[in-house]
């Protein structure tokens, strides 16, 4: 997504400690994600507790091509890089935007998805038509996201939540003026909340990548090979059709 590593250590230690006993096997590939970011990762399925989504299907194919079983670890977004560098997970698939800040801590795959930021507001709000209109507005964001970083360049009144759902609920309850969020998750929330509308502003494009620990060249090459194969054989486009309705 999008998302920064500011405050990463302090916010992530608890989740890393919880993972300490999970263990890893040579036959298992462990992916870390934050399943509050539909359609890339979310909790669903018949049982209501299955982690699904675009990124998860990518991760399943990566594990399959590597001859391994995939294990999914769901945690707070700001815990992911901490867990990765502590050896608790093998790679991250969580709508993570490739940024210079993150590249200092992890290695990224080739970009696999282009996104941008969108503004969500209540339907009766007509006050936001350009980025200039964001000045001094009360903005809700997901903690650690690209929107979290960007919002602070426009306003000093920014409230960060652990999930996009919480940010949207705050908007619906008229506690904030707008939500700044990645495009596809924003559309997903919009489809479930008809009292909201989206506003497209002139934000730069972002590119998502899958993250591995620094120096894990073999794993990185394996991930890139799978991504390249899926894009050439039509499997990637099939996932886009499946999830980006």
C-alpha atoms as a PDB file:
ATOM      1  CA  UNK A   1       0.000   0.000   0.000  1.00  0.00           C
ATOM      2  CA  UNK A   2       1.334   3.076   0.331  1.00  0.00           C
ATOM      3  CA  UNK A   3       2.476   2.742   3.919  1.00  0.00           C
ATOM      4  CA  UNK A   4       5.475   3.980   5.882  1.00  0.00           C
ATOM      5  CA  UNK A   5       7.723   2.385   8.488  1.00  0.00           C
ATOM      6  CA  UNK A   6       7.535   5.311  10.914  1.00  0.00           C
ATOM      7  CA  UNK A   7       7.269   3.996  14.430  1.00  0.00           C
ATOM      8  CA  UNK A   8       7.747   0.479  13.085  1.00  0.00           C
ATOM      9  CA  UNK A   9       9.806  -0.902  15.944  1.00  0.00           C
ATOM     10  CA  UNK A  10       7.595   0.279  18.777  1.00  0.00           C
ATOM     11  CA  UNK A  11       4.365  -0.729  17.067  1.00  0.00           C
ATOM     12  CA  UNK A  12       5.619  -4.040  15.748  1.00  0.00           C
ATOM     13  CA  UNK A  13       7.399  -5.695  18.654  1.00  0.00           C
ATOM     14  CA  UNK A  14       4.280  -7.202  20.197  1.00  0.00           C
ATOM     15  CA  UNK A  15       3.247  -8.953  17.002  1.00  0.00           C
ATOM     16  CA  UNK A  16       6.758 -10.240  16.425  1.00  0.00           C
ATOM     17  CA  UNK A  17       6.853 -11.722  19.914  1.00  0.00           C
ATOM     18  CA  UNK A  18       3.540 -13.445  19.270  1.00  0.00           C
ATOM     19  CA  UNK A  19       5.047 -14.996  16.159  1.00  0.00           C
ATOM     20  CA  UNK A  20       8.154 -16.211  17.938  1.00  0.00           C
ATOM     21  CA  UNK A  21       6.700 -19.633  18.534  1.00  0.00           C
ATOM     22  CA  UNK A  22       5.196 -20.149  15.105  1.00  0.00           C
ATOM     23  CA  UNK A  23       8.299 -21.868  13.700  1.00  0.00           C
ATOM     24  CA  UNK A  24       9.187 -22.389  10.061  1.00  0.00           C
ATOM     25  CA  UNK A  25       9.969 -25.472   8.010  1.00  0.00           C
ATOM     26  CA  UNK A  26      12.001 -25.853   4.839  1.00  0.00           C
ATOM     27  CA  UNK A  27       8.826 -27.178   3.212  1.00  0.00           C
ATOM     28  CA  UNK A  28       6.770 -24.136   4.203  1.00  0.00           C
ATOM     29  CA  UNK A  29       6.864 -20.609   2.825  1.00  0.00           C
ATOM     30  CA  UNK A  30       5.475 -18.082   5.314  1.00  0.00           C
ATOM     31  CA  UNK A  31       3.908 -14.926   3.951  1.00  0.00           C
ATOM     32  CA  UNK A  32       3.026 -11.973   6.156  1.00  0.00           C
ATOM     33  CA  UNK A  33       0.027  -9.809   5.378  1.00  0.00           C
ATOM     34  CA  UNK A  34      -2.479  -7.409   6.917  1.00  0.00           C
ATOM     35  CA  UNK A  35      -5.899  -8.753   5.952  1.00  0.00           C
ATOM     36  CA  UNK A  36      -7.779  -5.453   6.176  1.00  0.00           C
ATOM     37  CA  UNK A  37      -7.024  -4.275   2.662  1.00  0.00           C
ATOM     38  CA  UNK A  38      -9.630  -5.628   0.217  1.00  0.00           C
ATOM     39  CA  UNK A  39      -9.451  -6.805  -2.502  1.00  0.00           C
ATOM     40  CA  UNK A  40      -5.730  -7.514  -1.975  1.00  0.00           C
ATOM     41  CA  UNK A  41      -6.103  -9.228   1.408  1.00  0.00           C
ATOM     42  CA  UNK A  42      -9.156  -9.679   3.576  1.00  0.00           C
ATOM     43  CA  UNK A  43     -10.876 -12.177   5.844  1.00  0.00           C
ATOM     44  CA  UNK A  44     -13.728 -14.118   4.264  1.00  0.00           C
ATOM     45  CA  UNK A  45     -14.674 -17.539   2.959  1.00  0.00           C
ATOM     46  CA  UNK A  46     -17.409 -19.923   4.066  1.00  0.00           C
ATOM     47  CA  UNK A  47     -15.977 -20.189   7.580  1.00  0.00           C
ATOM     48  CA  UNK A  48     -15.545 -16.432   7.832  1.00  0.00           C
ATOM     49  CA  UNK A  49     -11.946 -16.664   8.957  1.00  0.00           C
ATOM     50  CA  UNK A  50     -10.096 -17.533   5.742  1.00  0.00           C
ATOM     51  CA  UNK A  51      -7.561 -14.995   4.485  1.00  0.00           C
ATOM     52  CA  UNK A  52      -8.247 -14.372   0.824  1.00  0.00           C
ATOM     53  CA  UNK A  53      -7.435 -11.831  -1.866  1.00  0.00           C
ATOM     54  CA  UNK A  54      -5.358 -10.881  -4.885  1.00  0.00           C
ATOM     55  CA  UNK A  55      -2.050 -10.896  -2.982  1.00  0.00           C
ATOM     56  CA  UNK A  56      -2.866 -14.198  -1.302  1.00  0.00           C
ATOM     57  CA  UNK A  57      -3.481 -15.889  -4.642  1.00  0.00           C
ATOM     58  CA  UNK A  58      -0.156 -14.521  -5.880  1.00  0.00           C
ATOM     59  CA  UNK A  59       1.533 -15.889  -2.759  1.00  0.00           C
ATOM     60  CA  UNK A  60      -0.083 -19.311  -3.255  1.00  0.00           C
ATOM     61  CA  UNK A  61       1.308 -19.530  -6.774  1.00  0.00           C
ATOM     62  CA  UNK A  62       4.754 -18.431  -5.583  1.00  0.00           C
ATOM     63  CA  UNK A  63       4.744 -21.196  -2.977  1.00  0.00           C
ATOM     64  CA  UNK A  64       3.447 -23.758  -5.474  1.00  0.00           C
ATOM     65  CA  UNK A  65       6.168 -22.906  -7.987  1.00  0.00           C
ATOM     66  CA  UNK A  66       8.755 -23.235  -5.217  1.00  0.00           C
ATOM     67  CA  UNK A  67       7.399 -26.675  -4.291  1.00  0.00           C
ATOM     68  CA  UNK A  68       6.346 -25.509  -0.846  1.00  0.00           C
ATOM     69  CA  UNK A  69       3.221 -25.150   1.261  1.00  0.00           C
ATOM     70  CA  UNK A  70       2.075 -21.599   1.942  1.00  0.00           C
ATOM     71  CA  UNK A  71       1.396 -20.426   5.488  1.00  0.00           C
ATOM     72  CA  UNK A  72      -0.262 -17.031   5.967  1.00  0.00           C
ATOM     73  CA  UNK A  73       0.455 -14.875   9.008  1.00  0.00           C
ATOM     74  CA  UNK A  74      -1.979 -12.001   9.556  1.00  0.00           C
ATOM     75  CA  UNK A  75      -0.651  -9.072  11.601  1.00  0.00           C
ATOM     76  CA  UNK A  76      -0.712  -5.291  11.887  1.00  0.00           C
ATOM     77  CA  UNK A  77       0.765  -3.647   8.825  1.00  0.00           C
ATOM     78  CA  UNK A  78       3.413  -1.817  10.814  1.00  0.00           C
ATOM     79  CA  UNK A  79       4.646  -5.159  12.179  1.00  0.00           C
ATOM     80  CA  UNK A  80       5.375  -6.735   8.798  1.00  0.00           C
ATOM     81  CA  UNK A  81       8.890  -5.448   8.094  1.00  0.00           C
ATOM     82  CA  UNK A  82       9.888  -6.069  11.718  1.00  0.00           C
ATOM     83  CA  UNK A  83       8.675  -9.672  11.440  1.00  0.00           C
ATOM     84  CA  UNK A  84      10.380 -10.116   8.084  1.00  0.00           C
ATOM     85  CA  UNK A  85      13.759  -8.946   9.316  1.00  0.00           C
ATOM     86  CA  UNK A  86      13.394 -11.001  12.494  1.00  0.00           C
ATOM     87  CA  UNK A  87      13.041 -14.139  10.356  1.00  0.00           C
ATOM     88  CA  UNK A  88       9.455 -14.839  11.450  1.00  0.00           C
ATOM     89  CA  UNK A  89       8.070 -14.636   7.912  1.00  0.00           C
ATOM     90  CA  UNK A  90       9.700 -15.278   4.540  1.00  0.00           C
ATOM     91  CA  UNK A  91       8.116 -12.510   2.482  1.00  0.00           C
ATOM     92  CA  UNK A  92       5.444  -9.821   2.592  1.00  0.00           C
ATOM     93  CA  UNK A  93       2.392  -9.684   0.324  1.00  0.00           C
ATOM     94  CA  UNK A  94       0.263  -6.832   1.596  1.00  0.00           C
ATOM     95  CA  UNK A  95      -0.296  -4.106  -0.980  1.00  0.00           C
ATOM     96  CA  UNK A  96       3.006  -2.556   0.029  1.00  0.00           C
ATOM     97  CA  UNK A  97       4.132   0.400  -2.029  1.00  0.00           C
ATOM     98  CA  UNK A  98       7.771   0.394  -3.095  1.00  0.00           C
ATOM     99  CA  UNK A  99       9.427   3.437  -1.512  1.00  0.00           C
ATOM    100  CA  UNK A 100      13.068   4.449  -0.956  1.00  0.00           C
ATOM    101  CA  UNK A 101      12.465   4.322   2.797  1.00  0.00           C
ATOM    102  CA  UNK A 102      11.383   0.690   2.655  1.00  0.00           C
ATOM    103  CA  UNK A 103      14.066  -0.239   0.134  1.00  0.00           C
ATOM    104  CA  UNK A 104      16.621   0.640   2.799  1.00  0.00           C
ATOM    105  CA  UNK A 105      15.234  -2.195   4.945  1.00  0.00           C
ATOM    106  CA  UNK A 106      14.001  -4.844   2.472  1.00  0.00           C
ATOM    107  CA  UNK A 107      14.367  -5.975  -1.134  1.00  0.00           C
ATOM    108  CA  UNK A 108      11.334  -5.700  -3.391  1.00  0.00           C
ATOM    109  CA  UNK A 109      10.142  -7.817  -6.271  1.00  0.00           C
ATOM    110  CA  UNK A 110       9.413  -6.296  -9.636  1.00  0.00           C
ATOM    111  CA  UNK A 111       6.363  -4.009  -9.326  1.00  0.00           C
ATOM    112  CA  UNK A 112       3.185  -6.033  -9.740  1.00  0.00           C
ATOM    113  CA  UNK A 113       0.396  -3.455  -9.405  1.00  0.00           C
ATOM    114  CA  UNK A 114      -0.025   0.264 -10.089  1.00  0.00           C
ATOM    115  CA  UNK A 115      -2.235   2.224  -7.720  1.00  0.00           C
ATOM    116  CA  UNK A 116      -2.899   5.747  -6.512  1.00  0.00           C
ATOM    117  CA  UNK A 117      -4.636   7.479  -3.631  1.00  0.00           C
ATOM    118  CA  UNK A 118      -8.337   8.333  -3.571  1.00  0.00           C
ATOM    119  CA  UNK A 119     -10.374  10.579  -1.309  1.00  0.00           C
ATOM    120  CA  UNK A 120     -13.577   9.268   0.265  1.00  0.00           C
ATOM    121  CA  UNK A 121     -16.145  11.759   1.572  1.00  0.00           C
ATOM    122  CA  UNK A 122     -19.810  11.743   2.513  1.00  0.00           C
ATOM    123  CA  UNK A 123     -22.061  12.335  -0.485  1.00  0.00           C
ATOM    124  CA  UNK A 124     -23.188  15.769   0.703  1.00  0.00           C
ATOM    125  CA  UNK A 125     -19.594  17.045   0.891  1.00  0.00           C
ATOM    126  CA  UNK A 126     -18.790  19.294  -2.078  1.00  0.00           C
ATOM    127  CA  UNK A 127     -15.825  21.102  -0.532  1.00  0.00           C
ATOM    128  CA  UNK A 128     -13.009  18.963  -1.924  1.00  0.00           C
ATOM    129  CA  UNK A 129     -12.190  19.396  -5.595  1.00  0.00           C
ATOM    130  CA  UNK A 130      -8.389  19.716  -5.615  1.00  0.00           C
ATOM    131  CA  UNK A 131      -5.416  18.924  -3.402  1.00  0.00           C
ATOM    132  CA  UNK A 132      -5.483  22.536  -2.210  1.00  0.00           C
ATOM    133  CA  UNK A 133      -8.845  21.800  -0.609  1.00  0.00           C
ATOM    134  CA  UNK A 134      -7.219  19.227   1.685  1.00  0.00           C
ATOM    135  CA  UNK A 135      -5.471  21.964   3.643  1.00  0.00           C
ATOM    136  CA  UNK A 136      -6.389  21.848   7.330  1.00  0.00           C
ATOM    137  CA  UNK A 137      -9.124  19.246   6.766  1.00  0.00           C
ATOM    138  CA  UNK A 138      -9.521  16.467   9.345  1.00  0.00           C
ATOM    139  CA  UNK A 139      -8.184  13.444   7.448  1.00  0.00           C
ATOM    140  CA  UNK A 140      -8.545   9.793   8.458  1.00  0.00           C
ATOM    141  CA  UNK A 141      -5.965   7.287   7.222  1.00  0.00           C
ATOM    142  CA  UNK A 142      -4.739   3.758   7.875  1.00  0.00           C
ATOM    143  CA  UNK A 143      -1.756   3.751  10.189  1.00  0.00           C
ATOM    144  CA  UNK A 144       1.553   3.509   8.337  1.00  0.00           C
ATOM    145  CA  UNK A 145      -0.010   3.784   4.893  1.00  0.00           C
ATOM    146  CA  UNK A 146       1.073   6.015   2.039  1.00  0.00           C
ATOM    147  CA  UNK A 147      -2.057   7.997   2.772  1.00  0.00           C
ATOM    148  CA  UNK A 148      -0.782   8.469   6.329  1.00  0.00           C
ATOM    149  CA  UNK A 149       2.428   9.998   4.986  1.00  0.00           C
ATOM    150  CA  UNK A 150       0.732  12.130   2.340  1.00  0.00           C
ATOM    151  CA  UNK A 151      -2.020  13.445   4.590  1.00  0.00           C
ATOM    152  CA  UNK A 152       0.515  15.119   6.858  1.00  0.00           C
ATOM    153  CA  UNK A 153       1.794  17.201   3.943  1.00  0.00           C
ATOM    154  CA  UNK A 154      -1.672  18.693   3.552  1.00  0.00           C
ATOM    155  CA  UNK A 155      -3.017  18.962   7.088  1.00  0.00           C
ATOM    156  CA  UNK A 156      -1.891  18.905  10.708  1.00  0.00           C
ATOM    157  CA  UNK A 157      -5.219  17.328  11.651  1.00  0.00           C
ATOM    158  CA  UNK A 158      -4.692  13.659  10.743  1.00  0.00           C
ATOM    159  CA  UNK A 159      -6.064  10.658  12.634  1.00  0.00           C
ATOM    160  CA  UNK A 160      -4.549   7.236  11.894  1.00  0.00           C
ATOM    161  CA  UNK A 161      -6.422   3.977  12.484  1.00  0.00           C
ATOM    162  CA  UNK A 162      -5.203   0.389  12.467  1.00  0.00           C
ATOM    163  CA  UNK A 163      -7.591  -0.492   9.628  1.00  0.00           C
ATOM    164  CA  UNK A 164      -9.250   1.245   6.723  1.00  0.00           C
ATOM    165  CA  UNK A 165     -12.603   0.019   8.049  1.00  0.00           C
ATOM    166  CA  UNK A 166     -12.166   2.081  11.215  1.00  0.00           C
ATOM    167  CA  UNK A 167     -11.251   5.157   9.172  1.00  0.00           C
ATOM    168  CA  UNK A 168     -14.364   4.740   7.009  1.00  0.00           C
ATOM    169  CA  UNK A 169     -16.586   4.317  10.066  1.00  0.00           C
ATOM    170  CA  UNK A 170     -15.210   7.564  11.482  1.00  0.00           C
ATOM    171  CA  UNK A 171     -16.120   9.279   8.210  1.00  0.00           C
ATOM    172  CA  UNK A 172     -19.636   7.822   8.196  1.00  0.00           C
ATOM    173  CA  UNK A 173     -20.092   9.106  11.740  1.00  0.00           C
ATOM    174  CA  UNK A 174     -19.006  12.605  10.626  1.00  0.00           C
ATOM    175  CA  UNK A 175     -16.010  12.581  12.952  1.00  0.00           C
ATOM    176  CA  UNK A 176     -13.588  13.393  10.092  1.00  0.00           C
ATOM    177  CA  UNK A 177     -13.861  15.269   6.796  1.00  0.00           C
ATOM    178  CA  UNK A 178     -12.398  12.605   4.525  1.00  0.00           C
ATOM    179  CA  UNK A 179     -10.487   9.345   4.240  1.00  0.00           C
ATOM    180  CA  UNK A 180      -7.305   9.171   2.151  1.00  0.00           C
ATOM    181  CA  UNK A 181      -6.760   5.592   1.006  1.00  0.00           C
ATOM    182  CA  UNK A 182      -5.366   3.422  -1.797  1.00  0.00           C
ATOM    183  CA  UNK A 183      -7.592   3.282  -4.863  1.00  0.00           C
ATOM    184  CA  UNK A 184      -8.754  -0.362  -4.962  1.00  0.00           C
ATOM    185  CA  UNK A 185      -9.485  -0.711  -1.227  1.00  0.00           C
ATOM    186  CA  UNK A 186     -11.197   2.689  -1.340  1.00  0.00           C
ATOM    187  CA  UNK A 187     -13.467   1.456  -4.149  1.00  0.00           C
ATOM    188  CA  UNK A 188     -14.166  -1.734  -2.204  1.00  0.00           C
ATOM    189  CA  UNK A 189     -15.275   0.272   0.830  1.00  0.00           C
ATOM    190  CA  UNK A 190     -17.275   2.608  -1.405  1.00  0.00           C
ATOM    191  CA  UNK A 191     -19.236  -0.289  -2.901  1.00  0.00           C
ATOM    192  CA  UNK A 192     -20.346  -1.309   0.592  1.00  0.00           C
ATOM    193  CA  UNK A 193     -21.138   2.227   1.760  1.00  0.00           C
ATOM    194  CA  UNK A 194     -23.434   3.973  -0.751  1.00  0.00           C
ATOM    195  CA  UNK A 195     -23.682   7.059   1.450  1.00  0.00           C
ATOM    196  CA  UNK A 196     -20.062   7.833   0.519  1.00  0.00           C
ATOM    197  CA  UNK A 197     -18.492   9.030  -2.720  1.00  0.00           C
ATOM    198  CA  UNK A 198     -14.958   9.163  -4.060  1.00  0.00           C
ATOM    199  CA  UNK A 199     -13.022  12.163  -5.316  1.00  0.00           C
ATOM    200  CA  UNK A 200     -10.095  11.615  -7.687  1.00  0.00           C
ATOM    201  CA  UNK A 201      -7.329  14.158  -7.222  1.00  0.00           C
ATOM    202  CA  UNK A 202      -3.969  14.667  -8.885  1.00  0.00           C
ATOM    203  CA  UNK A 203      -1.892  12.173  -6.885  1.00  0.00           C
ATOM    204  CA  UNK A 204       1.173  10.371  -8.223  1.00  0.00           C
ATOM    205  CA  UNK A 205       0.987   6.698  -9.161  1.00  0.00           C
ATOM    206  CA  UNK A 206       2.323   4.103  -6.714  1.00  0.00           C
ATOM    207  CA  UNK A 207       3.655   0.620  -7.373  1.00  0.00           C
ATOM    208  CA  UNK A 208       3.179  -2.392  -5.102  1.00  0.00           C
ATOM    209  CA  UNK A 209       5.934  -4.951  -4.593  1.00  0.00           C
ATOM    210  CA  UNK A 210       6.453  -8.161  -2.632  1.00  0.00           C
ATOM    211  CA  UNK A 211       9.145  -7.720   0.023  1.00  0.00           C
ATOM    212  CA  UNK A 212      11.893 -10.154   1.102  1.00  0.00           C
ATOM    213  CA  UNK A 213      14.767  -9.735   3.562  1.00  0.00           C
ATOM    214  CA  UNK A 214      17.876  -8.043   2.242  1.00  0.00           C
ATOM    215  CA  UNK A 215      20.149 -10.490   0.436  1.00  0.00           C
ATOM    216  CA  UNK A 216      17.556 -13.262  -0.095  1.00  0.00           C
ATOM    217  CA  UNK A 217      18.380 -13.384  -3.795  1.00  0.00           C
ATOM    218  CA  UNK A 218      17.169 -16.930  -4.454  1.00  0.00           C
ATOM    219  CA  UNK A 219      13.723 -16.238  -2.998  1.00  0.00           C
ATOM    220  CA  UNK A 220      13.496 -12.884  -4.764  1.00  0.00           C
ATOM    221  CA  UNK A 221      14.379 -14.478  -8.109  1.00  0.00           C
ATOM    222  CA  UNK A 222      11.783 -17.191  -7.518  1.00  0.00           C
ATOM    223  CA  UNK A 223       9.099 -14.583  -6.787  1.00  0.00           C
ATOM    224  CA  UNK A 224       9.994 -12.560  -9.869  1.00  0.00           C
ATOM    225  CA  UNK A 225       9.947 -15.685 -12.032  1.00  0.00           C
ATOM    226  CA  UNK A 226       6.431 -16.525 -10.853  1.00  0.00           C
ATOM    227  CA  UNK A 227       5.191 -12.969 -11.414  1.00  0.00           C
ATOM    228  CA  UNK A 228       6.662 -12.927 -14.916  1.00  0.00           C
ATOM    229  CA  UNK A 229       5.153 -16.318 -15.734  1.00  0.00           C
ATOM    230  CA  UNK A 230       1.705 -15.334 -14.436  1.00  0.00           C
ATOM    231  CA  UNK A 231       1.729 -12.162 -16.521  1.00  0.00           C
ATOM    232  CA  UNK A 232       2.736 -14.038 -19.669  1.00  0.00           C
ATOM    233  CA  UNK A 233       0.333 -16.984 -19.345  1.00  0.00           C
ATOM    234  CA  UNK A 234      -2.785 -14.977 -18.471  1.00  0.00           C
ATOM    235  CA  UNK A 235      -3.049 -16.016 -14.826  1.00  0.00           C
ATOM    236  CA  UNK A 236      -2.273 -12.495 -13.614  1.00  0.00           C
ATOM    237  CA  UNK A 237      -4.994 -10.971 -15.815  1.00  0.00           C
ATOM    238  CA  UNK A 238      -7.413 -13.610 -14.533  1.00  0.00           C
ATOM    239  CA  UNK A 239      -6.738 -12.475 -10.971  1.00  0.00           C
ATOM    240  CA  UNK A 240      -7.313  -8.847 -11.959  1.00  0.00           C
ATOM    241  CA  UNK A 241     -10.663  -9.842 -13.461  1.00  0.00           C
ATOM    242  CA  UNK A 242     -11.526 -11.895 -10.376  1.00  0.00           C
ATOM    243  CA  UNK A 243     -10.743  -9.251  -7.763  1.00  0.00           C
ATOM    244  CA  UNK A 244     -10.852  -5.824  -9.420  1.00  0.00           C
ATOM    245  CA  UNK A 245     -14.519  -5.745 -10.388  1.00  0.00           C
END
